[in-house]
Amino acid sequence: MNESKMMAKRLKRVLLQDKIVAYEGLTKALESDVRTLLSYYMTLTGDLSVNIDVLDEGNYQINISAKANNINAPQIV
């Protein structure tokens, strides 16, 4: 394999890894922020999950799943 192909392959691997790490960081940050926001209005039970999908046209679809067992009066801080 010539040197330019090896460099291109290596760059692609680095970019893909960066994209994965950035996605995981964004997902964790959103989960934390959404958990904080929802906890002002309800008592959350169990896990909260955030999933981000890229649609064919390039838009993002964000799915949030959470369970609560009580709705509270807003706690404004």
PDB file of N, CA and C in Angstrom:
ATOM      1  N   MET A   1       0.867  -1.176   0.000  1.00  0.00           N
ATOM      2  CA  MET A   1       0.000   0.000   0.000  1.00  0.00           C
ATOM      3  C   MET A   1       0.908   1.232   0.000  1.00  0.00           C
ATOM      4  N   ASN A   2       0.625   2.174  -0.873  1.00  0.00           N
ATOM      5  CA  ASN A   2       1.496   3.357  -0.926  1.00  0.00           C
ATOM      6  C   ASN A   2       1.220   4.291   0.254  1.00  0.00           C
ATOM      7  N   GLU A   3       2.142   5.194   0.466  1.00  0.00           N
ATOM      8  CA  GLU A   3       2.104   6.047   1.653  1.00  0.00           C
ATOM      9  C   GLU A   3       0.874   6.945   1.707  1.00  0.00           C
ATOM     10  N   SER A   4       0.423   7.484   0.586  1.00  0.00           N
ATOM     11  CA  SER A   4      -0.742   8.374   0.576  1.00  0.00           C
ATOM     12  C   SER A   4      -2.016   7.618   0.945  1.00  0.00           C
ATOM     13  N   LYS A   5      -2.133   6.375   0.505  1.00  0.00           N
ATOM     14  CA  LYS A   5      -3.313   5.582   0.871  1.00  0.00           C
ATOM     15  C   LYS A   5      -3.301   5.264   2.364  1.00  0.00           C
ATOM     16  N   MET A   6      -2.106   4.970   2.887  1.00  0.00           N
ATOM     17  CA  MET A   6      -1.994   4.686   4.319  1.00  0.00           C
ATOM     18  C   MET A   6      -2.350   5.926   5.138  1.00  0.00           C
ATOM     19  N   MET A   7      -1.896   7.081   4.684  1.00  0.00           N
ATOM     20  CA  MET A   7      -2.202   8.324   5.392  1.00  0.00           C
ATOM     21  C   MET A   7      -3.698   8.632   5.332  1.00  0.00           C
ATOM     22  N   ALA A   8      -4.315   8.426   4.181  1.00  0.00           N
ATOM     23  CA  ALA A   8      -5.743   8.668   4.031  1.00  0.00           C
ATOM     24  C   ALA A   8      -6.540   7.727   4.932  1.00  0.00           C
ATOM     25  N   LYS A   9      -6.137   6.483   5.003  1.00  0.00           N
ATOM     26  CA  LYS A   9      -6.819   5.501   5.839  1.00  0.00           C
ATOM     27  C   LYS A   9      -6.685   5.870   7.320  1.00  0.00           C
ATOM     28  N   ARG A  10      -5.493   6.295   7.694  1.00  0.00           N
ATOM     29  CA  ARG A  10      -5.244   6.701   9.082  1.00  0.00           C
ATOM     30  C   ARG A  10      -6.059   7.933   9.443  1.00  0.00           C
ATOM     31  N   LEU A  11      -6.115   8.920   8.551  1.00  0.00           N
ATOM     32  CA  LEU A  11      -6.902  10.130   8.792  1.00  0.00           C
ATOM     33  C   LEU A  11      -8.388   9.786   8.944  1.00  0.00           C
ATOM     34  N   LYS A  12      -8.869   8.917   8.096  1.00  0.00           N
ATOM     35  CA  LYS A  12     -10.278   8.507   8.180  1.00  0.00           C
ATOM     36  C   LYS A  12     -10.560   7.857   9.527  1.00  0.00           C
ATOM     37  N   ARG A  13      -9.655   7.005   9.991  1.00  0.00           N
ATOM     38  CA  ARG A  13      -9.827   6.333  11.279  1.00  0.00           C
ATOM     39  C   ARG A  13      -9.847   7.358  12.423  1.00  0.00           C
ATOM     40  N   VAL A  14      -8.956   8.343  12.370  1.00  0.00           N
ATOM     41  CA  VAL A  14      -8.906   9.382  13.403  1.00  0.00           C
ATOM     42  C   VAL A  14     -10.193  10.207  13.396  1.00  0.00           C
ATOM     43  N   LEU A  15     -10.660  10.596  12.223  1.00  0.00           N
ATOM     44  CA  LEU A  15     -11.883  11.397  12.129  1.00  0.00           C
ATOM     45  C   LEU A  15     -13.100  10.631  12.630  1.00  0.00           C
ATOM     46  N   LEU A  16     -13.185   9.365  12.292  1.00  0.00           N
ATOM     47  CA  LEU A  16     -14.302   8.552  12.772  1.00  0.00           C
ATOM     48  C   LEU A  16     -14.268   8.417  14.285  1.00  0.00           C
ATOM     49  N   GLN A  17     -13.090   8.220  14.844  1.00  0.00           N
ATOM     50  CA  GLN A  17     -12.971   8.115  16.298  1.00  0.00           C
ATOM     51  C   GLN A  17     -13.369   9.419  16.972  1.00  0.00           C
ATOM     52  N   ASP A  18     -12.930  10.559  16.410  1.00  0.00           N
ATOM     53  CA  ASP A  18     -13.312  11.865  16.962  1.00  0.00           C
ATOM     54  C   ASP A  18     -14.818  12.047  16.921  1.00  0.00           C
ATOM     55  N   LYS A  19     -15.439  11.613  15.833  1.00  0.00           N
ATOM     56  CA  LYS A  19     -16.887  11.749  15.695  1.00  0.00           C
ATOM     57  C   LYS A  19     -17.613  10.925  16.747  1.00  0.00           C
ATOM     58  N   ILE A  20     -17.122   9.724  17.015  1.00  0.00           N
ATOM     59  CA  ILE A  20     -17.738   8.858  18.021  1.00  0.00           C
ATOM     60  C   ILE A  20     -17.614   9.481  19.398  1.00  0.00           C
ATOM     61  N   VAL A  21     -16.427   9.975  19.740  1.00  0.00           N
ATOM     62  CA  VAL A  21     -16.201  10.589  21.047  1.00  0.00           C
ATOM     63  C   VAL A  21     -17.052  11.849  21.199  1.00  0.00           C
ATOM     64  N   ALA A  22     -17.145  12.665  20.161  1.00  0.00           N
ATOM     65  CA  ALA A  22     -17.953  13.892  20.211  1.00  0.00           C
ATOM     66  C   ALA A  22     -19.420  13.538  20.408  1.00  0.00           C
ATOM     67  N   TYR A  23     -19.913  12.508  19.714  1.00  0.00           N
ATOM     68  CA  TYR A  23     -21.308  12.079  19.838  1.00  0.00           C
ATOM     69  C   TYR A  23     -21.589  11.624  21.264  1.00  0.00           C
ATOM     70  N   GLU A  24     -20.689  10.822  21.831  1.00  0.00           N
ATOM     71  CA  GLU A  24     -20.881  10.332  23.186  1.00  0.00           C
ATOM     72  C   GLU A  24     -20.887  11.486  24.184  1.00  0.00           C
ATOM     73  N   GLY A  25     -20.000  12.445  23.990  1.00  0.00           N
ATOM     74  CA  GLY A  25     -19.950  13.603  24.879  1.00  0.00           C
ATOM     75  C   GLY A  25     -21.215  14.435  24.794  1.00  0.00           C
ATOM     76  N   LEU A  26     -21.705  14.645  23.579  1.00  0.00           N
ATOM     77  CA  LEU A  26     -22.941  15.404  23.385  1.00  0.00           C
ATOM     78  C   LEU A  26     -24.118  14.680  24.018  1.00  0.00           C
ATOM     79  N   THR A  27     -24.199  13.382  23.818  1.00  0.00           N
ATOM     80  CA  THR A  27     -25.296  12.592  24.378  1.00  0.00           C
ATOM     81  C   THR A  27     -25.288  12.659  25.902  1.00  0.00           C
ATOM     82  N   LYS A  28     -24.118  12.509  26.514  1.00  0.00           N
ATOM     83  CA  LYS A  28     -24.013  12.574  27.983  1.00  0.00           C
ATOM     84  C   LYS A  28     -24.403  13.958  28.497  1.00  0.00           C
ATOM     85  N   ALA A  29     -23.968  15.009  27.809  1.00  0.00           N
ATOM     86  CA  ALA A  29     -24.305  16.375  28.224  1.00  0.00           C
ATOM     87  C   ALA A  29     -25.813  16.609  28.128  1.00  0.00           C
ATOM     88  N   LEU A  30     -26.426  16.161  27.032  1.00  0.00           N
ATOM     89  CA  LEU A  30     -27.879  16.311  26.877  1.00  0.00           C
ATOM     90  C   LEU A  30     -28.630  15.531  27.949  1.00  0.00           C
ATOM     91  N   GLU A  31     -28.181  14.297  28.226  1.00  0.00           N
ATOM     92  CA  GLU A  31     -28.831  13.501  29.266  1.00  0.00           C
ATOM     93  C   GLU A  31     -28.798  14.231  30.606  1.00  0.00           C
ATOM     94  N   SER A  32     -27.657  14.793  30.946  1.00  0.00           N
ATOM     95  CA  SER A  32     -27.523  15.515  32.212  1.00  0.00           C
ATOM     96  C   SER A  32     -28.433  16.738  32.253  1.00  0.00           C
ATOM     97  N   ASP A  33     -28.431  17.523  31.186  1.00  0.00           N
ATOM     98  CA  ASP A  33     -29.257  18.731  31.142  1.00  0.00           C
ATOM     99  C   ASP A  33     -30.747  18.411  31.161  1.00  0.00           C
ATOM    100  N   VAL A  34     -31.156  17.408  30.404  1.00  0.00           N
ATOM    101  CA  VAL A  34     -32.575  17.041  30.356  1.00  0.00           C
ATOM    102  C   VAL A  34     -33.019  16.478  31.707  1.00  0.00           C
ATOM    103  N   ARG A  35     -32.160  15.668  32.342  1.00  0.00           N
ATOM    104  CA  ARG A  35     -32.491  15.131  33.667  1.00  0.00           C
ATOM    105  C   ARG A  35     -32.716  16.282  34.658  1.00  0.00           C
ATOM    106  N   THR A  36     -31.821  17.274  34.636  1.00  0.00           N
ATOM    107  CA  THR A  36     -31.955  18.422  35.533  1.00  0.00           C
ATOM    108  C   THR A  36     -33.250  19.173  35.251  1.00  0.00           C
ATOM    109  N   LEU A  37     -33.524  19.444  33.978  1.00  0.00           N
ATOM    110  CA  LEU A  37     -34.736  20.171  33.605  1.00  0.00           C
ATOM    111  C   LEU A  37     -35.999  19.421  34.032  1.00  0.00           C
ATOM    112  N   LEU A  38     -36.083  18.134  33.694  1.00  0.00           N
ATOM    113  CA  LEU A  38     -37.279  17.368  34.026  1.00  0.00           C
ATOM    114  C   LEU A  38     -37.471  17.214  35.530  1.00  0.00           C
ATOM    115  N   SER A  39     -36.375  17.161  36.272  1.00  0.00           N
ATOM    116  CA  SER A  39     -36.496  16.988  37.721  1.00  0.00           C
ATOM    117  C   SER A  39     -37.097  18.223  38.397  1.00  0.00           C
ATOM    118  N   TYR A  40     -37.092  19.374  37.711  1.00  0.00           N
ATOM    119  CA  TYR A  40     -37.776  20.547  38.244  1.00  0.00           C
ATOM    120  C   TYR A  40     -39.291  20.370  38.211  1.00  0.00           C
ATOM    121  N   TYR A  41     -39.794  19.529  37.339  1.00  0.00           N
ATOM    122  CA  TYR A  41     -41.235  19.385  37.132  1.00  0.00           C
ATOM    123  C   TYR A  41     -41.805  18.042  37.551  1.00  0.00           C
ATOM    124  N   MET A  42     -40.956  17.026  37.738  1.00  0.00           N
ATOM    125  CA  MET A  42     -41.460  15.697  38.071  1.00  0.00           C
ATOM    126  C   MET A  42     -40.410  14.892  38.810  1.00  0.00           C
ATOM    127  N   THR A  43     -40.873  13.838  39.446  1.00  0.00           N
ATOM    128  CA  THR A  43     -39.966  12.923  40.137  1.00  0.00           C
ATOM    129  C   THR A  43     -39.620  11.810  39.166  1.00  0.00           C
ATOM    130  N   LEU A  44     -38.384  11.798  38.711  1.00  0.00           N
ATOM    131  CA  LEU A  44     -37.949  10.799  37.741  1.00  0.00           C
ATOM    132  C   LEU A  44     -37.654   9.475  38.439  1.00  0.00           C
ATOM    133  N   THR A  45     -37.999   8.398  37.765  1.00  0.00           N
ATOM    134  CA  THR A  45     -37.684   7.064  38.260  1.00  0.00           C
ATOM    135  C   THR A  45     -36.927   6.335  37.166  1.00  0.00           C
ATOM    136  N   GLY A  46     -35.898   5.631  37.526  1.00  0.00           N
ATOM    137  CA  GLY A  46     -35.155   4.864  36.529  1.00  0.00           C
ATOM    138  C   GLY A  46     -34.263   5.735  35.672  1.00  0.00           C
ATOM    139  N   ASP A  47     -33.809   5.138  34.591  1.00  0.00           N
ATOM    140  CA  ASP A  47     -32.865   5.797  33.700  1.00  0.00           C
ATOM    141  C   ASP A  47     -33.558   6.739  32.730  1.00  0.00           C
ATOM    142  N   LEU A  48     -32.810   7.733  32.299  1.00  0.00           N
ATOM    143  CA  LEU A  48     -33.225   8.641  31.238  1.00  0.00           C
ATOM    144  C   LEU A  48     -32.267   8.386  30.081  1.00  0.00           C
ATOM    145  N   SER A  49     -32.792   8.296  28.880  1.00  0.00           N
ATOM    146  CA  SER A  49     -31.904   8.057  27.747  1.00  0.00           C
ATOM    147  C   SER A  49     -32.154   9.074  26.640  1.00  0.00           C
ATOM    148  N   VAL A  50     -31.072   9.416  25.958  1.00  0.00           N
ATOM    149  CA  VAL A  50     -31.121  10.320  24.817  1.00  0.00           C
ATOM    150  C   VAL A  50     -30.459   9.604  23.654  1.00  0.00           C
ATOM    151  N   ASN A  51     -31.132   9.562  22.524  1.00  0.00           N
ATOM    152  CA  ASN A  51     -30.584   8.928  21.327  1.00  0.00           C
ATOM    153  C   ASN A  51     -30.694   9.918  20.175  1.00  0.00           C
ATOM    154  N   ILE A  52     -29.588  10.122  19.478  1.00  0.00           N
ATOM    155  CA  ILE A  52     -29.556  11.060  18.353  1.00  0.00           C
ATOM    156  C   ILE A  52     -29.315  10.265  17.074  1.00  0.00           C
ATOM    157  N   ASP A  53     -30.232  10.397  16.126  1.00  0.00           N
ATOM    158  CA  ASP A  53     -30.098   9.740  14.830  1.00  0.00           C
ATOM    159  C   ASP A  53     -29.957  10.796  13.743  1.00  0.00           C
ATOM    160  N   VAL A  54     -29.183  10.489  12.718  1.00  0.00           N
ATOM    161  CA  VAL A  54     -29.069  11.367  11.559  1.00  0.00           C
ATOM    162  C   VAL A  54     -29.987  10.811  10.479  1.00  0.00           C
ATOM    163  N   LEU A  55     -30.925  11.636  10.028  1.00  0.00           N
ATOM    164  CA  LEU A  55     -31.876  11.219   8.999  1.00  0.00           C
ATOM    165  C   LEU A  55     -31.239  11.331   7.622  1.00  0.00           C
ATOM    166  N   ASP A  56     -31.859  10.719   6.638  1.00  0.00           N
ATOM    167  CA  ASP A  56     -31.314  10.700   5.283  1.00  0.00           C
ATOM    168  C   ASP A  56     -31.046  12.093   4.719  1.00  0.00           C
ATOM    169  N   GLU A  57     -31.912  13.055   5.035  1.00  0.00           N
ATOM    170  CA  GLU A  57     -31.737  14.397   4.482  1.00  0.00           C
ATOM    171  C   GLU A  57     -30.745  15.239   5.288  1.00  0.00           C
ATOM    172  N   GLY A  58     -30.124  14.633   6.316  1.00  0.00           N
ATOM    173  CA  GLY A  58     -29.099  15.329   7.086  1.00  0.00           C
ATOM    174  C   GLY A  58     -29.595  15.961   8.375  1.00  0.00           C
ATOM    175  N   ASN A  59     -30.896  15.918   8.610  1.00  0.00           N
ATOM    176  CA  ASN A  59     -31.443  16.444   9.861  1.00  0.00           C
ATOM    177  C   ASN A  59     -31.192  15.449  10.989  1.00  0.00           C
ATOM    178  N   TYR A  60     -31.301  15.946  12.217  1.00  0.00           N
ATOM    179  CA  TYR A  60     -31.122  15.092  13.390  1.00  0.00           C
ATOM    180  C   TYR A  60     -32.470  14.813  14.029  1.00  0.00           C
ATOM    181  N   GLN A  61     -32.652  13.588  14.460  1.00  0.00           N
ATOM    182  CA  GLN A  61     -33.841  13.214  15.227  1.00  0.00           C
ATOM    183  C   GLN A  61     -33.360  12.854  16.623  1.00  0.00           C
ATOM    184  N   ILE A  62     -33.890  13.543  17.629  1.00  0.00           N
ATOM    185  CA  ILE A  62     -33.480  13.335  19.009  1.00  0.00           C
ATOM    186  C   ILE A  62     -34.637  12.685  19.746  1.00  0.00           C
ATOM    187  N   ASN A  63     -34.390  11.492  20.283  1.00  0.00           N
ATOM    188  CA  ASN A  63     -35.397  10.756  21.044  1.00  0.00           C
ATOM    189  C   ASN A  63     -34.977  10.735  22.507  1.00  0.00           C
ATOM    190  N   ILE A  64     -35.903  11.159  23.363  1.00  0.00           N
ATOM    191  CA  ILE A  64     -35.650  11.199  24.805  1.00  0.00           C
ATOM    192  C   ILE A  64     -36.669  10.290  25.469  1.00  0.00           C
ATOM    193  N   SER A  65     -36.173   9.424  26.342  1.00  0.00           N
ATOM    194  CA  SER A  65     -37.046   8.505  27.062  1.00  0.00           C
ATOM    195  C   SER A  65     -36.778   8.635  28.556  1.00  0.00           C
ATOM    196  N   ALA A  66     -37.849   8.848  29.315  1.00  0.00           N
ATOM    197  CA  ALA A  66     -37.725   8.981  30.770  1.00  0.00           C
ATOM    198  C   ALA A  66     -39.020   8.495  31.403  1.00  0.00           C
ATOM    199  N   LYS A  67     -38.914   8.053  32.639  1.00  0.00           N
ATOM    200  CA  LYS A  67     -40.095   7.655  33.404  1.00  0.00           C
ATOM    201  C   LYS A  67     -40.167   8.506  34.658  1.00  0.00           C
ATOM    202  N   ALA A  68     -41.399   8.865  35.024  1.00  0.00           N
ATOM    203  CA  ALA A  68     -41.626   9.651  36.238  1.00  0.00           C
ATOM    204  C   ALA A  68     -42.834   9.067  36.960  1.00  0.00           C
ATOM    205  N   ASN A  69     -42.846   9.226  38.275  1.00  0.00           N
ATOM    206  CA  ASN A  69     -44.003   8.723  39.015  1.00  0.00           C
ATOM    207  C   ASN A  69     -44.784   9.835  39.699  1.00  0.00           C
ATOM    208  N   ASN A  70     -44.350  11.086  39.508  1.00  0.00           N
ATOM    209  CA  ASN A  70     -45.049  12.183  40.142  1.00  0.00           C
ATOM    210  C   ASN A  70     -44.749  13.478  39.390  1.00  0.00           C
ATOM    211  N   ILE A  71     -45.767  14.295  39.204  1.00  0.00           N
ATOM    212  CA  ILE A  71     -45.566  15.623  38.627  1.00  0.00           C
ATOM    213  C   ILE A  71     -45.649  16.621  39.771  1.00  0.00           C
ATOM    214  N   ASN A  72     -44.646  17.455  39.878  1.00  0.00           N
ATOM    215  CA  ASN A  72     -44.532  18.415  40.983  1.00  0.00           C
ATOM    216  C   ASN A  72     -44.805  19.827  40.485  1.00  0.00           C
ATOM    217  N   ALA A  73     -45.041  20.709  41.444  1.00  0.00           N
ATOM    218  CA  ALA A  73     -45.095  22.122  41.118  1.00  0.00           C
ATOM    219  C   ALA A  73     -43.686  22.521  40.699  1.00  0.00           C
ATOM    220  N   PRO A  74     -43.545  23.407  39.722  1.00  0.00           N
ATOM    221  CA  PRO A  74     -42.206  23.794  39.269  1.00  0.00           C
ATOM    222  C   PRO A  74     -41.347  24.323  40.408  1.00  0.00           C
ATOM    223  N   GLN A  75     -40.105  23.887  40.460  1.00  0.00           N
ATOM    224  CA  GLN A  75     -39.152  24.348  41.476  1.00  0.00           C
ATOM    225  C   GLN A  75     -38.214  25.343  40.801  1.00  0.00           C
ATOM    226  N   ILE A  76     -38.524  26.584  40.883  1.00  0.00           N
ATOM    227  CA  ILE A  76     -37.724  27.609  40.222  1.00  0.00           C
ATOM    228  C   ILE A  76     -36.591  28.008  41.155  1.00  0.00           C
ATOM    229  N   VAL A  77     -35.387  27.950  40.614  1.00  0.00           N
ATOM    230  CA  VAL A  77     -34.212  28.286  41.426  1.00  0.00           C
ATOM    231  C   VAL A  77     -33.620  29.596  40.981  1.00  0.00           C
TER     232      VAL A  77
END
